[in-house]
Amino acid sequence: MSLQSGHTMPQSSAMPPPSWHACVRSSDVDVHASAQPQWSLNYDQLSPGRFDGQIELVQLPGLRMIREGANCKVRQRGQIGRGHYGLAMVLEQDSEAIFNGQRLSTESIMIGRGEELDLLTPAHSELIGVVVEHELLAALWQSMYQKPLSAWIEEQIVVQASTASARHLDKMHRRILGLLSSSPELLNDPVTLIQLRDAILIEWIEAIPSQVDTSELRRVEARKKVVDRACECMLAHSDQPLSTLDVCSRIGTSPRKLDYCFNDVLGISPKRYLRLVRLNGVRRDLKSRAHEARVKVQDVAARWGFWHLSEFSRDYSAQFGELPSQTLRNAQG
């Protein structure tokens, strides 16, 4: 991981200074996830290859700007702040991105509460977004429209921006991030920071269409609930992976519906998804247990239901670009 910043980025356990700017490049999906302070995120790498990710963050009063990209397909889940709301766009995508079970185009805006992030981004994609405190968003919304925040803001929803709005948001993000990177002294100028913050938030709000349709949300949520229950069931038995029929009988659905829901919500079959999540689980365990005496790859693999070591090593190497023994040695070193 490399870090370049105008101000030192705060550690996740510490209170952040009022404003800061940071750039992080990492070759590990877990380092990538943890490089975003005060947020609790879990990333699973779903496409094969050695991970390469970049994040640029700017913390302004009441608002955080983010620009993020990675060469691998990733599912990210977790929290980006209670009492906060996120607005984001996936600008570049070779295949479909999915937010809370809803498909995204390059002009889609994701909007949702900070407590329930669930986003799948394709390989070689780039995302821009802001995370804003409720009080700030509500006050600016009231000032702009002379009415309280719309009720749909409490949902996890996708809306369509215009092509011009999407391009303008991209240019504004690039301009502000470039300005604060080249002139870090501006981070100590309260007046400039408030002006920048309000300008970027106003552009995001104005990019939202005047009419927001929530009629499909209940159907999307029902499919996602099936996926979430199946994932919980499968991961509760990660050392002895359940068959599709076992999962279906435990959560009360049919194999056809389970497969449909997974492909619709995650773009992948349940069997394939479980195997990838288990491989990610082995990788995390190898790194977290590297300090233990006599830890062995085969023991960690067995905890995640991989009993054939040669087959497991082949799949692990294809997924992460290194052997599991290399992961363990790197963590120990």
Protein backbone atom coordinates (compact mmCIF):
# COMPACT_ATOMS: atom_id res chain seq x y z
CA MET A 1 0.00 0.00 0.00
CA SER A 2 1.23 3.48 -0.79
CA LEU A 3 -0.08 6.69 0.74
CA GLN A 4 0.25 10.19 -0.60
CA SER A 5 -1.63 13.05 1.00
CA GLY A 6 -1.63 16.73 1.68
CA HIS A 7 -2.52 15.90 5.27
CA THR A 8 -1.82 12.64 7.05
CA MET A 9 -4.85 10.37 6.74
CA PRO A 10 -6.28 9.52 10.17
CA GLN A 11 -6.32 5.97 11.48
CA SER A 12 -9.74 4.36 11.71
CA SER A 13 -9.59 4.24 15.51
CA ALA A 14 -8.87 7.97 15.85
CA MET A 15 -11.06 11.03 15.45
CA PRO A 16 -10.30 12.65 12.09
CA PRO A 17 -9.09 16.22 11.80
CA PRO A 18 -11.68 18.59 10.29
CA SER A 19 -10.40 18.19 6.73
CA TRP A 20 -7.84 16.02 4.97
CA HIS A 21 -6.89 14.59 1.59
CA ALA A 22 -5.41 11.14 0.93
CA CYS A 23 -4.51 8.88 -1.99
CA VAL A 24 -4.07 5.15 -1.41
CA ARG A 25 -2.96 2.46 -3.84
CA SER A 26 -3.03 -1.15 -2.67
CA SER A 27 -2.41 -4.66 -3.98
CA ASP A 28 -4.67 -6.31 -1.38
CA VAL A 29 -8.47 -6.07 -1.38
CA ASP A 30 -8.65 -6.05 2.44
CA VAL A 31 -6.11 -3.23 2.71
CA HIS A 32 -8.16 -1.40 0.11
CA ALA A 33 -11.32 -1.80 2.19
CA SER A 34 -9.68 -0.76 5.46
CA ALA A 35 -8.07 2.35 3.93
CA GLN A 36 -11.31 4.29 4.39
CA PRO A 37 -11.31 5.62 7.98
CA GLN A 38 -14.40 5.69 10.19
CA TRP A 39 -16.15 3.28 7.81
CA SER A 40 -16.63 -0.45 8.33
CA LEU A 41 -16.38 -2.21 4.96
CA ASN A 42 -15.86 -5.77 3.77
CA TYR A 43 -14.69 -6.39 0.19
CA ASP A 44 -14.78 -9.79 -1.54
CA GLN A 45 -12.73 -10.18 -4.72
CA LEU A 46 -14.95 -11.98 -7.25
CA SER A 47 -12.80 -11.99 -10.39
CA PRO A 48 -9.38 -13.66 -10.77
CA GLY A 49 -6.00 -11.97 -10.76
CA ARG A 50 -3.72 -9.97 -8.51
CA PHE A 51 -5.69 -7.08 -7.03
CA ASP A 52 -4.77 -3.47 -7.84
CA GLY A 53 -6.92 -0.71 -6.38
CA GLN A 54 -6.78 3.05 -5.96
CA ILE A 55 -8.74 5.34 -3.65
CA GLU A 56 -8.66 9.11 -3.37
CA LEU A 57 -10.51 10.66 -0.43
CA VAL A 58 -11.17 14.22 0.65
CA GLN A 59 -12.81 14.93 3.99
CA LEU A 60 -14.61 18.28 4.06
CA PRO A 61 -16.80 19.58 6.90
CA GLY A 62 -19.80 17.22 6.98
CA LEU A 63 -18.98 15.58 3.64
CA ARG A 64 -16.47 13.11 2.24
CA MET A 65 -15.60 12.90 -1.45
CA ILE A 66 -14.38 9.63 -2.91
CA ARG A 67 -12.92 8.43 -6.18
CA GLU A 68 -12.24 4.69 -6.31
CA GLY A 69 -11.16 2.15 -8.89
CA ALA A 70 -9.97 -1.46 -9.07
CA ASN A 71 -8.92 -3.97 -11.69
CA CYS A 72 -11.05 -6.77 -10.16
CA LYS A 73 -14.74 -7.39 -9.72
CA VAL A 74 -15.60 -6.68 -6.09
CA ARG A 75 -18.59 -6.93 -3.80
CA GLN A 76 -18.43 -4.34 -1.04
CA ARG A 77 -20.71 -4.37 1.97
CA GLY A 78 -20.82 -2.55 5.26
CA GLN A 79 -21.36 0.86 6.78
CA ILE A 80 -20.20 4.28 5.65
CA GLY A 81 -21.49 6.13 8.68
CA ARG A 82 -24.70 6.11 10.70
CA GLY A 83 -26.66 9.28 10.16
CA HIS A 84 -25.01 9.69 6.75
CA TYR A 85 -26.22 9.25 3.18
CA GLY A 86 -24.22 8.22 0.14
CA LEU A 87 -24.60 9.37 -3.46
CA ALA A 88 -22.37 7.71 -6.06
CA MET A 89 -21.92 6.83 -9.74
CA VAL A 90 -19.92 4.08 -11.45
CA LEU A 91 -18.40 5.99 -14.35
CA GLU A 92 -16.53 3.23 -16.15
CA GLN A 93 -17.73 -0.36 -16.28
CA ASP A 94 -16.98 -3.22 -18.66
CA SER A 95 -20.04 -5.07 -17.36
CA GLU A 96 -22.97 -4.23 -15.12
CA ALA A 97 -22.57 -2.82 -11.64
CA ILE A 98 -25.28 -3.74 -9.12
CA PHE A 99 -26.41 -1.68 -6.11
CA ASN A 100 -28.68 -3.40 -3.60
CA GLY A 101 -29.97 -5.69 -6.37
CA GLN A 102 -30.49 -2.87 -8.90
CA ARG A 103 -28.55 -2.64 -12.17
CA LEU A 104 -26.49 0.47 -12.87
CA SER A 105 -25.58 2.24 -16.07
CA THR A 106 -22.79 4.82 -16.34
CA GLU A 107 -25.39 7.54 -15.69
CA SER A 108 -27.07 5.93 -12.68
CA ILE A 109 -26.89 7.56 -9.26
CA MET A 110 -26.95 5.30 -6.21
CA ILE A 111 -28.57 6.90 -3.18
CA GLY A 112 -28.90 5.34 0.23
CA ARG A 113 -28.40 5.33 3.96
CA GLY A 114 -24.86 4.80 5.16
CA GLU A 115 -25.77 1.80 7.31
CA GLU A 116 -26.57 -0.60 4.46
CA LEU A 117 -24.05 -0.47 1.63
CA ASP A 118 -24.18 -3.43 -0.76
CA LEU A 119 -22.47 -2.72 -4.07
CA LEU A 120 -20.98 -4.97 -6.75
CA THR A 121 -18.55 -3.21 -9.08
CA PRO A 122 -17.15 -4.88 -12.22
CA ALA A 123 -13.46 -5.19 -13.06
CA HIS A 124 -11.73 -2.06 -14.38
CA SER A 125 -14.47 0.23 -13.09
CA GLU A 126 -14.25 3.68 -11.53
CA LEU A 127 -16.60 5.18 -8.97
CA ILE A 128 -17.14 8.72 -7.71
CA GLY A 129 -19.31 9.66 -4.79
CA VAL A 130 -19.99 11.71 -1.69
CA VAL A 131 -21.03 10.69 1.82
CA VAL A 132 -22.84 13.47 3.62
CA GLU A 133 -24.18 14.03 7.12
CA HIS A 134 -27.97 13.99 7.37
CA GLU A 135 -28.15 17.47 8.92
CA LEU A 136 -26.14 19.04 6.12
CA LEU A 137 -28.10 17.29 3.36
CA ALA A 138 -31.45 18.17 4.97
CA ALA A 139 -30.50 21.83 5.44
CA LEU A 140 -29.27 22.27 1.86
CA TRP A 141 -32.29 20.40 0.47
CA GLN A 142 -34.63 22.68 2.42
CA SER A 143 -32.77 25.74 1.18
CA MET A 144 -32.90 24.63 -2.46
CA TYR A 145 -36.47 23.32 -2.63
CA GLN A 146 -38.21 24.95 0.37
CA LYS A 147 -39.36 21.55 1.61
CA PRO A 148 -38.00 18.70 3.78
CA LEU A 149 -36.00 15.78 2.40
CA SER A 150 -38.09 13.45 0.25
CA ALA A 151 -39.18 10.22 1.94
CA TRP A 152 -37.45 8.04 -0.66
CA ILE A 153 -34.07 9.19 0.68
CA GLU A 154 -34.51 6.49 3.34
CA GLU A 155 -34.50 3.79 0.66
CA GLN A 156 -31.53 2.25 -1.15
CA ILE A 157 -32.40 3.36 -4.65
CA VAL A 158 -31.00 3.92 -8.14
CA VAL A 159 -32.07 6.91 -10.24
CA GLN A 160 -31.01 8.04 -13.71
CA ALA A 161 -29.13 11.28 -14.25
CA SER A 162 -28.80 13.01 -17.58
CA THR A 163 -25.65 12.52 -19.65
CA ALA A 164 -24.74 16.17 -19.13
CA SER A 165 -25.16 15.89 -15.34
CA ALA A 166 -23.03 12.74 -15.16
CA ARG A 167 -20.23 14.35 -17.15
CA HIS A 168 -20.41 17.51 -15.08
CA LEU A 169 -20.15 15.56 -11.81
CA ASP A 170 -17.12 13.69 -13.13
CA LYS A 171 -15.40 16.94 -14.18
CA MET A 172 -16.20 18.64 -10.87
CA HIS A 173 -14.79 15.73 -8.86
CA ARG A 174 -11.61 15.76 -10.92
CA ARG A 175 -11.28 19.53 -10.56
CA ILE A 176 -11.78 19.64 -6.78
CA LEU A 177 -9.59 16.60 -6.09
CA GLY A 178 -6.88 18.03 -8.34
CA LEU A 179 -7.13 21.44 -6.69
CA LEU A 180 -6.73 20.06 -3.16
CA SER A 181 -3.92 17.74 -4.28
CA SER A 182 -1.92 20.56 -5.85
CA SER A 183 -2.79 23.15 -3.17
CA PRO A 184 -3.07 21.28 0.15
CA GLU A 185 -2.90 24.57 2.06
CA LEU A 186 -6.55 25.08 1.06
CA LEU A 187 -7.45 22.36 3.57
CA ASN A 188 -6.69 24.96 6.26
CA ASP A 189 -8.99 27.58 4.73
CA PRO A 190 -12.49 27.15 6.28
CA VAL A 191 -14.21 29.53 3.86
CA THR A 192 -12.85 27.76 0.76
CA LEU A 193 -13.71 24.32 2.16
CA ILE A 194 -17.32 25.29 2.82
CA GLN A 195 -17.61 26.76 -0.68
CA LEU A 196 -16.19 23.60 -2.27
CA ARG A 197 -18.37 21.37 -0.11
CA ASP A 198 -21.58 23.22 -0.95
CA ALA A 199 -20.73 23.39 -4.65
CA ILE A 200 -20.19 19.64 -4.99
CA LEU A 201 -23.24 18.73 -2.90
CA ILE A 202 -25.49 21.08 -4.86
CA GLU A 203 -24.36 19.47 -8.12
CA TRP A 204 -25.18 15.99 -6.78
CA ILE A 205 -28.61 17.09 -5.59
CA GLU A 206 -29.41 18.82 -8.87
CA ALA A 207 -28.41 15.72 -10.83
CA ILE A 208 -31.24 13.77 -9.17
CA PRO A 209 -34.34 13.70 -11.41
CA SER A 210 -37.40 15.60 -10.21
CA GLN A 211 -39.51 12.43 -10.14
CA VAL A 212 -38.18 9.29 -8.39
CA ASP A 213 -40.01 6.00 -8.98
CA THR A 214 -39.89 3.57 -6.03
CA SER A 215 -42.48 1.08 -7.35
CA GLU A 216 -39.92 -1.65 -8.09
CA LEU A 217 -38.14 -1.49 -4.73
CA ARG A 218 -40.33 -4.03 -2.92
CA ARG A 219 -39.72 -6.65 -5.62
CA VAL A 220 -35.96 -5.95 -5.58
CA GLU A 221 -35.86 -6.18 -1.80
CA ALA A 222 -37.69 -9.53 -1.86
CA ARG A 223 -35.09 -11.04 -4.21
CA LYS A 224 -32.23 -9.60 -2.20
CA LYS A 225 -33.70 -11.00 1.01
CA VAL A 226 -33.54 -14.49 -0.52
CA VAL A 227 -29.88 -13.94 -1.43
CA ASP A 228 -28.99 -12.56 2.01
CA ARG A 229 -30.67 -15.47 3.81
CA ALA A 230 -28.95 -17.99 1.53
CA CYS A 231 -25.53 -16.36 2.08
CA GLU A 232 -26.03 -16.37 5.83
CA CYS A 233 -27.01 -20.03 5.72
CA MET A 234 -24.09 -21.04 3.47
CA LEU A 235 -21.47 -19.17 5.50
CA ALA A 236 -22.76 -20.65 8.74
CA HIS A 237 -21.59 -24.02 7.34
CA SER A 238 -18.45 -22.86 5.51
CA ASP A 239 -16.39 -25.83 6.76
CA GLN A 240 -18.90 -28.28 5.26
CA PRO A 241 -20.43 -26.51 2.25
CA LEU A 242 -24.14 -27.18 1.80
CA SER A 243 -25.63 -28.39 -1.45
CA THR A 244 -28.10 -26.19 -3.30
CA LEU A 245 -30.93 -28.44 -2.14
CA ASP A 246 -29.77 -28.14 1.49
CA VAL A 247 -29.75 -24.36 1.25
CA CYS A 248 -33.16 -24.28 -0.41
CA SER A 249 -34.74 -26.51 2.23
CA ARG A 250 -33.27 -24.40 5.05
CA ILE A 251 -34.50 -21.05 3.71
CA GLY A 252 -37.71 -22.31 2.09
CA THR A 253 -37.22 -21.69 -1.61
CA SER A 254 -36.75 -23.66 -4.82
CA PRO A 255 -33.42 -24.24 -6.63
CA ARG A 256 -34.74 -22.36 -9.67
CA LYS A 257 -35.75 -19.33 -7.58
CA LEU A 258 -32.45 -19.37 -5.66
CA ASP A 259 -30.45 -19.41 -8.89
CA TYR A 260 -32.62 -16.67 -10.39
CA CYS A 261 -32.26 -14.43 -7.33
CA PHE A 262 -28.46 -14.83 -7.19
CA ASN A 263 -28.03 -14.11 -10.88
CA ASP A 264 -30.36 -11.13 -10.67
CA VAL A 265 -28.94 -9.62 -7.47
CA LEU A 266 -25.25 -10.57 -7.82
CA GLY A 267 -24.86 -11.65 -11.43
CA ILE A 268 -23.45 -15.03 -10.38
CA SER A 269 -24.70 -18.51 -9.46
CA PRO A 270 -25.01 -19.38 -5.74
CA LYS A 271 -22.51 -22.22 -6.05
CA ARG A 272 -19.89 -20.04 -7.72
CA TYR A 273 -20.45 -17.17 -5.29
CA LEU A 274 -20.05 -19.41 -2.23
CA ARG A 275 -16.77 -20.81 -3.53
CA LEU A 276 -15.37 -17.32 -4.15
CA VAL A 277 -16.45 -16.10 -0.70
CA ARG A 278 -14.79 -19.15 0.88
CA LEU A 279 -11.56 -18.45 -1.00
CA ASN A 280 -11.66 -14.87 0.27
CA GLY A 281 -12.28 -16.26 3.77
CA VAL A 282 -9.18 -18.46 3.58
CA ARG A 283 -7.10 -15.48 2.48
CA ARG A 284 -8.27 -13.35 5.41
CA ASP A 285 -7.69 -16.17 7.88
CA LEU A 286 -4.18 -16.81 6.57
CA LYS A 287 -3.32 -13.14 7.10
CA SER A 288 -5.03 -12.78 10.48
CA ARG A 289 -3.53 -16.02 11.89
CA ALA A 290 -0.03 -15.55 10.48
CA HIS A 291 1.31 -14.67 13.95
CA GLU A 292 0.16 -17.99 15.42
CA ALA A 293 2.75 -20.68 15.99
CA ARG A 294 2.57 -23.65 13.63
CA VAL A 295 -0.29 -22.30 11.53
CA LYS A 296 -0.65 -24.42 8.37
CA VAL A 297 -2.30 -23.66 5.06
CA GLN A 298 -4.11 -27.00 5.00
CA ASP A 299 -5.65 -26.38 8.43
CA VAL A 300 -6.99 -22.97 7.42
CA ALA A 301 -8.26 -24.34 4.10
CA ALA A 302 -10.07 -27.17 5.89
CA ARG A 303 -11.86 -24.66 8.11
CA TRP A 304 -13.43 -23.28 4.94
CA GLY A 305 -14.34 -26.67 3.47
CA PHE A 306 -11.38 -27.15 1.11
CA TRP A 307 -10.20 -30.73 1.64
CA HIS A 308 -8.25 -31.37 -1.59
CA LEU A 309 -5.13 -29.26 -1.10
CA SER A 310 -3.78 -29.41 -4.65
CA GLU A 311 -7.13 -28.41 -6.17
CA PHE A 312 -7.53 -25.68 -3.55
CA SER A 313 -4.03 -24.28 -4.20
CA ARG A 314 -4.70 -24.17 -7.94
CA ASP A 315 -7.99 -22.30 -7.49
CA TYR A 316 -6.50 -19.96 -4.88
CA SER A 317 -3.55 -19.08 -7.10
CA ALA A 318 -5.85 -18.41 -10.07
CA GLN A 319 -8.08 -16.16 -7.94
CA PHE A 320 -5.43 -14.10 -6.15
CA GLY A 321 -2.31 -14.39 -8.29
CA GLU A 322 -0.24 -16.13 -5.61
CA LEU A 323 -0.11 -19.44 -3.75
CA PRO A 324 -1.70 -19.60 -0.28
CA SER A 325 1.73 -20.31 1.17
CA GLN A 326 2.93 -17.01 -0.30
CA THR A 327 0.04 -15.17 1.36
CA LEU A 328 0.98 -16.70 4.69
CA ARG A 329 4.69 -15.90 4.30
CA ASN A 330 3.96 -12.32 3.29
CA ALA A 331 1.73 -11.85 6.33
CA GLN A 332 4.36 -13.37 8.60
CA GLY A 333 7.03 -11.12 7.13
